[in-house]
Amino acid sequence: MTAQFPVARPRRLRRSPALRRMVAGTRLHAADLILPAFVKEGIAEPQPVASMPGVFQHTRDSLRKAAHEAAEAGVGGIILFGIPAVKDARGSAADDPDGILQVALREVNAEVGDAVVVMADTCLDEFTDHGHCGILTPSGDVDNDATLERYASIAVAQAAAGSQMVAPSGMMDGQVGAIRSALDGAGYGNVPILAYTAKYASAFFGPFREAAECAPQFGDRSSHQQDPAGPLEEALREARLDLAEGADIVMVKPALAYLDVITRMRDEVDVPVAAYQVSGEYAMIEAAAANGWVDRDRMIMESLVAIKRAGADLILTYWATEVARGL
């Protein structure tokens, strides 16, 4: 039995900012946040991403500046996405030691690697001329097993360049196991894997494809990313498979439309759970705020608190540095 009104008055603990802060059940910390950042080869100045106000395709110099700002704000990590000047069908630049992503990893890790976890997206879509996440068969399908060989090579190249963590995002079957085996065999057994475990074939990814210049030239990614209407058990099965293959962290992407998946994932696993507040989530809030329809700062914080409350230990967000400064 619990007391009823008028004895029970839950509003007592909501009366002041100090009371609300003291009893808050969900707390964000700067170290929980990971900043996604894009670096593009062959540009002289940072290029604004039209669909993501405040986000840029960085030069190497501006990326280093952004990384320093993130470190000074206390952000926990930075994940890099590379955009090469030349693309081909197999994404050759993805594992080129002198490719833009590897060069950026070396530079950022050398400058802020003691303060933030420098990591890399481990995929092919930014590097292929067709925009798909893997090697294609003659009929245009993504060849799962041939793609695993490329992912393994890319992960080793990223580790050799100083990436402190790799993050396979292609949703190929067996990708974590292939990468774990390759890293261990190359002497990088201490490099952890952040697995994009439940990555959905989502319309919320649209602005990212402008930022990373990786829109598929034909078709879509529904054959390998999860169906938004698929059973929740599918996401949990992916988590069990990734953990069995050696994942150190599992991730749900997108975040806000999949809070239920985040919660079930948190209940299911005994490793950290990450969630990616994706480009579409960012763009919607920025666009609504630019039109004066919403309170931008409150909406940003409310969305992040919701993701944290759902069970995410880590949050990838384009607002990482800004939010960290205010915490």
Protein backbone atom coordinates (compact mmCIF):
# COMPACT_ATOMS: atom_id res chain seq x y z
CA MET A 1 0.00 0.00 0.00
CA THR A 2 1.13 3.55 -0.72
CA ALA A 3 -0.17 6.81 0.62
CA GLN A 4 -2.87 8.58 -1.36
CA PHE A 5 -3.65 12.26 -1.85
CA PRO A 6 -3.62 14.51 0.15
CA VAL A 7 -0.78 12.76 2.02
CA ALA A 8 0.97 11.75 -1.22
CA ARG A 9 2.14 14.82 -3.08
CA PRO A 10 4.75 13.94 -5.75
CA ARG A 11 4.99 17.61 -6.68
CA ARG A 12 6.96 18.27 -3.49
CA LEU A 13 10.10 16.97 -5.22
CA ARG A 14 9.49 19.09 -8.34
CA ARG A 15 9.17 22.46 -6.65
CA SER A 16 12.59 23.92 -7.50
CA PRO A 17 15.44 23.41 -9.95
CA ALA A 18 17.69 22.30 -7.08
CA LEU A 19 15.21 19.64 -5.93
CA ARG A 20 14.66 18.37 -9.47
CA ARG A 21 18.40 18.19 -10.05
CA MET A 22 19.00 16.34 -6.79
CA VAL A 23 16.45 13.57 -7.47
CA ALA A 24 16.96 13.28 -11.23
CA GLY A 25 16.93 9.64 -12.22
CA THR A 26 18.72 10.14 -15.54
CA ARG A 27 22.01 11.99 -15.79
CA LEU A 28 24.04 12.82 -18.87
CA HIS A 29 27.81 13.07 -18.64
CA ALA A 30 30.13 14.51 -21.24
CA ALA A 31 32.08 11.24 -21.32
CA ASP A 32 28.90 9.44 -22.48
CA LEU A 33 28.96 11.37 -25.77
CA ILE A 34 30.71 10.46 -29.02
CA LEU A 35 31.11 13.01 -31.81
CA PRO A 36 30.74 11.79 -35.42
CA ALA A 37 33.00 13.80 -37.75
CA PHE A 38 33.53 13.81 -41.51
CA VAL A 39 36.87 14.47 -43.18
CA LYS A 40 37.09 14.98 -46.94
CA GLU A 41 40.13 14.69 -49.15
CA GLY A 42 41.06 17.51 -51.49
CA ILE A 43 39.16 20.46 -50.05
CA ALA A 44 40.79 23.70 -48.92
CA GLU A 45 38.06 24.86 -46.52
CA PRO A 46 35.44 23.05 -44.42
CA GLN A 47 32.29 22.46 -46.45
CA PRO A 48 28.94 22.98 -44.67
CA VAL A 49 26.42 20.14 -44.98
CA ALA A 50 23.24 21.85 -46.19
CA SER A 51 20.85 19.36 -44.60
CA MET A 52 22.70 19.41 -41.26
CA PRO A 53 23.25 23.03 -40.17
CA GLY A 54 26.38 23.31 -38.06
CA VAL A 55 27.94 20.10 -39.43
CA PHE A 56 30.85 20.22 -41.88
CA GLN A 57 32.90 18.06 -44.16
CA HIS A 58 36.24 18.86 -42.55
CA THR A 59 39.67 19.44 -43.92
CA ARG A 60 42.44 17.73 -41.98
CA ASP A 61 43.20 21.01 -40.22
CA SER A 62 39.61 21.80 -39.29
CA LEU A 63 39.11 18.22 -38.13
CA ARG A 64 42.02 18.56 -35.73
CA LYS A 65 40.48 21.78 -34.41
CA ALA A 66 37.09 20.06 -33.94
CA ALA A 67 38.80 17.18 -32.16
CA HIS A 68 40.58 19.57 -29.79
CA GLU A 69 37.29 21.33 -29.04
CA ALA A 70 35.63 17.99 -28.29
CA ALA A 71 38.49 16.98 -26.01
CA GLU A 72 38.42 20.29 -24.15
CA ALA A 73 34.66 19.90 -23.61
CA GLY A 74 35.19 16.44 -22.10
CA VAL A 75 33.53 14.45 -24.89
CA GLY A 76 34.21 10.74 -24.49
CA GLY A 77 35.02 9.84 -28.09
CA ILE A 78 35.17 10.91 -31.72
CA ILE A 79 34.30 8.63 -34.64
CA LEU A 80 35.71 9.51 -38.06
CA PHE A 81 34.17 9.03 -41.50
CA GLY A 82 36.44 9.51 -44.50
CA ILE A 83 35.48 10.79 -47.95
CA PRO A 84 38.19 10.08 -50.54
CA ALA A 85 38.86 12.05 -53.70
CA VAL A 86 38.74 8.89 -55.83
CA LYS A 87 36.28 6.02 -55.41
CA ASP A 88 36.10 2.64 -57.11
CA ALA A 89 33.99 -0.50 -57.01
CA ARG A 90 35.94 -2.15 -54.18
CA GLY A 91 36.52 0.97 -52.09
CA SER A 92 40.29 0.79 -52.41
CA ALA A 93 40.85 4.00 -50.44
CA ALA A 94 39.22 2.46 -47.36
CA ASP A 95 42.31 0.44 -46.40
CA ASP A 96 44.97 2.52 -48.14
CA PRO A 97 47.56 3.47 -45.47
CA ASP A 98 47.77 6.87 -47.14
CA GLY A 99 44.02 7.21 -47.59
CA ILE A 100 42.20 10.16 -46.07
CA LEU A 101 40.70 8.21 -43.17
CA GLN A 102 43.98 6.61 -42.12
CA VAL A 103 45.84 9.92 -42.38
CA ALA A 104 43.16 11.62 -40.29
CA LEU A 105 43.22 8.85 -37.70
CA ARG A 106 46.98 9.21 -37.25
CA GLU A 107 46.77 12.97 -36.89
CA VAL A 108 43.78 13.09 -34.55
CA ASN A 109 45.07 10.26 -32.39
CA ALA A 110 48.47 11.91 -32.08
CA GLU A 111 46.92 15.17 -30.92
CA VAL A 112 43.99 14.17 -28.68
CA GLY A 113 44.22 10.39 -28.33
CA ASP A 114 45.11 10.66 -24.65
CA ALA A 115 41.96 12.68 -23.94
CA VAL A 116 39.27 11.09 -26.15
CA VAL A 117 38.75 7.67 -27.68
CA VAL A 118 39.53 8.05 -31.38
CA MET A 119 37.62 5.53 -33.46
CA ALA A 120 36.70 4.86 -37.06
CA ASP A 121 33.62 3.79 -38.95
CA THR A 122 34.54 0.50 -40.60
CA CYS A 123 32.55 0.27 -43.80
CA LEU A 124 32.77 0.76 -47.55
CA ASP A 125 29.89 2.99 -48.60
CA GLU A 126 31.88 6.24 -48.34
CA PHE A 127 34.61 4.70 -50.50
CA THR A 128 32.75 2.84 -53.27
CA ASP A 129 31.67 4.48 -56.51
CA HIS A 130 28.33 2.66 -56.32
CA GLY A 131 27.62 3.79 -52.74
CA HIS A 132 26.87 0.35 -51.34
CA CYS A 133 28.38 -1.08 -48.17
CA GLY A 134 30.25 -3.93 -49.81
CA ILE A 135 31.51 -5.75 -52.85
CA LEU A 136 28.84 -6.30 -55.49
CA THR A 137 28.05 -9.47 -57.42
CA PRO A 138 27.59 -9.21 -61.22
CA SER A 139 23.85 -8.95 -60.60
CA GLY A 140 24.29 -5.99 -58.27
CA ASP A 141 23.72 -7.70 -54.93
CA VAL A 142 26.05 -7.11 -51.99
CA ASP A 143 28.30 -10.16 -51.65
CA ASN A 144 28.37 -10.81 -47.90
CA ASP A 145 31.46 -13.02 -47.66
CA ALA A 146 33.60 -11.11 -50.16
CA THR A 147 32.73 -7.97 -48.21
CA LEU A 148 33.93 -9.53 -44.96
CA GLU A 149 37.42 -9.81 -46.45
CA ARG A 150 37.39 -6.10 -47.20
CA TYR A 151 36.13 -5.21 -43.72
CA ALA A 152 38.89 -7.27 -42.15
CA SER A 153 41.53 -5.46 -44.18
CA ILE A 154 40.00 -2.06 -43.42
CA ALA A 155 39.88 -2.71 -39.68
CA VAL A 156 43.57 -3.69 -39.63
CA ALA A 157 44.48 -0.56 -41.61
CA GLN A 158 42.53 1.59 -39.17
CA ALA A 159 44.17 -0.03 -36.16
CA ALA A 160 47.59 0.42 -37.73
CA ALA A 161 46.77 4.11 -38.20
CA GLY A 162 46.04 4.45 -34.49
CA SER A 163 42.29 3.94 -34.27
CA GLN A 164 41.59 3.02 -30.65
CA MET A 165 38.33 1.31 -31.59
CA VAL A 166 36.73 0.12 -34.84
CA ALA A 167 33.03 0.30 -35.57
CA PRO A 168 31.73 -2.01 -38.33
CA SER A 169 28.50 -0.53 -39.65
CA GLY A 170 27.73 -2.53 -42.79
CA MET A 171 25.41 -5.12 -41.17
CA MET A 172 27.06 -8.03 -42.95
CA ASP A 173 26.57 -11.44 -41.35
CA GLY A 174 29.77 -12.42 -39.55
CA GLN A 175 31.40 -9.00 -39.76
CA VAL A 176 32.40 -8.83 -36.10
CA GLY A 177 33.99 -12.28 -36.16
CA ALA A 178 35.92 -11.56 -39.36
CA ILE A 179 37.24 -8.29 -37.96
CA ARG A 180 38.09 -9.76 -34.56
CA SER A 181 40.07 -12.55 -36.18
CA ALA A 182 41.91 -10.13 -38.46
CA LEU A 183 42.78 -7.72 -35.66
CA ASP A 184 44.00 -10.50 -33.40
CA GLY A 185 46.06 -12.03 -36.19
CA ALA A 186 47.69 -8.70 -37.00
CA GLY A 187 48.69 -8.01 -33.41
CA TYR A 188 45.83 -5.64 -32.54
CA GLY A 189 44.08 -7.85 -30.03
CA ASN A 190 43.58 -4.93 -27.65
CA VAL A 191 41.54 -2.88 -30.14
CA PRO A 192 37.85 -3.15 -29.17
CA ILE A 193 34.91 -3.43 -31.55
CA LEU A 194 31.85 -1.21 -31.34
CA ALA A 195 29.34 -3.20 -33.38
CA TYR A 196 26.50 -1.56 -35.26
CA THR A 197 24.31 -4.39 -34.05
CA ALA A 198 20.76 -3.21 -34.73
CA LYS A 199 21.06 -0.81 -37.63
CA TYR A 200 17.74 -0.28 -39.34
CA ALA A 201 17.01 0.50 -43.00
CA SER A 202 15.84 3.94 -41.93
CA ALA A 203 14.66 7.08 -43.65
CA PHE A 204 16.33 8.97 -40.79
CA PHE A 205 19.72 8.41 -42.48
CA GLY A 206 19.01 10.76 -45.39
CA PRO A 207 21.14 13.79 -44.42
CA PHE A 208 24.10 11.55 -43.53
CA ARG A 209 24.31 10.44 -47.13
CA GLU A 210 24.90 14.03 -48.16
CA ALA A 211 27.53 14.49 -45.46
CA ALA A 212 29.39 11.26 -46.29
CA GLU A 213 28.62 11.33 -50.03
CA CYS A 214 27.48 7.71 -49.88
CA ALA A 215 23.98 7.56 -51.34
CA PRO A 216 23.54 4.27 -53.24
CA GLN A 217 23.63 4.77 -56.99
CA PHE A 218 20.87 2.18 -57.34
CA GLY A 219 18.69 0.15 -55.02
CA ASP A 220 18.82 0.49 -51.26
CA ARG A 221 20.21 -1.28 -48.18
CA SER A 222 17.13 -3.23 -47.13
CA SER A 223 18.78 -6.57 -47.87
CA HIS A 224 21.26 -6.17 -45.02
CA GLN A 225 20.02 -3.46 -42.65
CA GLN A 226 17.16 -4.47 -40.37
CA ASP A 227 13.53 -3.96 -41.30
CA PRO A 228 11.96 -1.20 -39.14
CA ALA A 229 8.86 -3.39 -38.88
CA GLY A 230 10.83 -6.55 -38.15
CA PRO A 231 10.49 -8.47 -34.88
CA LEU A 232 12.34 -7.14 -31.86
CA GLU A 233 13.82 -10.59 -31.35
CA GLU A 234 15.81 -10.08 -34.54
CA ALA A 235 17.73 -7.21 -32.93
CA LEU A 236 18.39 -9.29 -29.83
CA ARG A 237 19.58 -12.20 -31.95
CA GLU A 238 21.99 -9.87 -33.74
CA ALA A 239 23.29 -8.80 -30.33
CA ARG A 240 23.87 -12.38 -29.23
CA LEU A 241 25.67 -13.15 -32.49
CA ASP A 242 27.87 -10.05 -32.27
CA LEU A 243 28.84 -10.83 -28.69
CA ALA A 244 29.64 -14.42 -29.58
CA GLU A 245 31.90 -13.12 -32.37
CA GLY A 246 33.78 -10.77 -30.05
CA ALA A 247 31.94 -7.42 -29.93
CA ASP A 248 32.84 -5.23 -26.96
CA ILE A 249 30.00 -2.70 -27.35
CA VAL A 250 26.68 -3.08 -29.19
CA MET A 251 24.77 -0.25 -30.82
CA VAL A 252 21.24 0.63 -31.90
CA LYS A 253 20.80 3.02 -34.83
CA PRO A 254 18.72 5.25 -35.12
CA ALA A 255 17.92 6.16 -31.53
CA LEU A 256 14.67 8.04 -30.90
CA ALA A 257 12.44 5.87 -33.09
CA TYR A 258 13.94 2.73 -31.52
CA LEU A 259 13.94 3.49 -27.80
CA ASP A 260 12.19 0.16 -27.16
CA VAL A 261 15.05 -1.66 -28.88
CA ILE A 262 17.60 0.21 -26.78
CA THR A 263 15.78 -0.79 -23.60
CA ARG A 264 15.54 -4.46 -24.54
CA MET A 265 19.16 -4.47 -25.67
CA ARG A 266 20.24 -3.01 -22.32
CA ASP A 267 18.28 -5.73 -20.51
CA GLU A 268 19.73 -8.46 -22.73
CA VAL A 269 23.48 -7.81 -22.74
CA ASP A 270 26.25 -7.34 -20.18
CA VAL A 271 28.38 -4.95 -22.25
CA PRO A 272 27.91 -1.21 -22.88
CA VAL A 273 25.05 -0.25 -25.17
CA ALA A 274 25.49 2.67 -27.57
CA ALA A 275 22.83 4.52 -29.54
CA TYR A 276 23.31 6.76 -32.57
CA GLN A 277 21.25 9.95 -32.66
CA VAL A 278 21.37 10.05 -36.44
CA SER A 279 21.42 12.79 -39.04
CA GLY A 280 17.66 12.87 -39.56
CA GLU A 281 17.04 13.31 -35.84
CA TYR A 282 19.55 16.17 -35.82
CA ALA A 283 18.17 17.80 -38.98
CA MET A 284 14.55 17.74 -37.82
CA ILE A 285 15.31 19.54 -34.57
CA GLU A 286 17.58 22.09 -36.24
CA ALA A 287 15.02 22.78 -38.97
CA ALA A 288 12.14 23.15 -36.52
CA ALA A 289 14.24 25.43 -34.33
CA ALA A 290 15.28 27.57 -37.31
CA ASN A 291 11.60 28.13 -38.03
CA GLY A 292 10.93 29.13 -34.45
CA TRP A 293 8.64 26.14 -33.86
CA VAL A 294 10.52 24.58 -30.94
CA ASP A 295 12.92 25.52 -28.16
CA ARG A 296 16.14 24.18 -29.67
CA ASP A 297 18.22 23.76 -26.52
CA ARG A 298 15.45 22.13 -24.52
CA MET A 299 14.60 19.76 -27.34
CA ILE A 300 18.22 18.69 -27.77
CA MET A 301 18.57 17.90 -24.09
CA GLU A 302 15.17 16.21 -23.86
CA SER A 303 15.99 13.94 -26.78
CA LEU A 304 19.35 12.95 -25.30
CA VAL A 305 17.85 12.32 -21.86
CA ALA A 306 15.22 10.08 -23.49
CA ILE A 307 17.92 8.02 -25.18
CA LYS A 308 19.87 7.77 -21.95
CA ARG A 309 16.76 6.86 -19.94
CA ALA A 310 15.94 4.10 -22.42
CA GLY A 311 19.22 2.44 -21.47
CA ALA A 312 22.00 3.79 -23.69
CA ASP A 313 25.35 4.01 -21.96
CA LEU A 314 26.91 5.90 -24.87
CA ILE A 315 25.32 8.27 -27.38
CA LEU A 316 26.72 9.22 -30.76
CA THR A 317 25.41 12.72 -31.48
CA TYR A 318 26.40 15.64 -33.69
CA TRP A 319 25.72 17.91 -30.71
CA ALA A 320 28.33 16.13 -28.56
CA THR A 321 30.72 19.05 -28.12
CA GLU A 322 28.01 21.66 -27.66
CA VAL A 323 26.13 19.59 -25.10
CA ALA A 324 29.30 18.55 -23.25
CA ARG A 325 30.20 22.21 -22.76
CA GLY A 326 26.89 22.83 -21.06
CA LEU A 327 26.93 19.84 -18.72
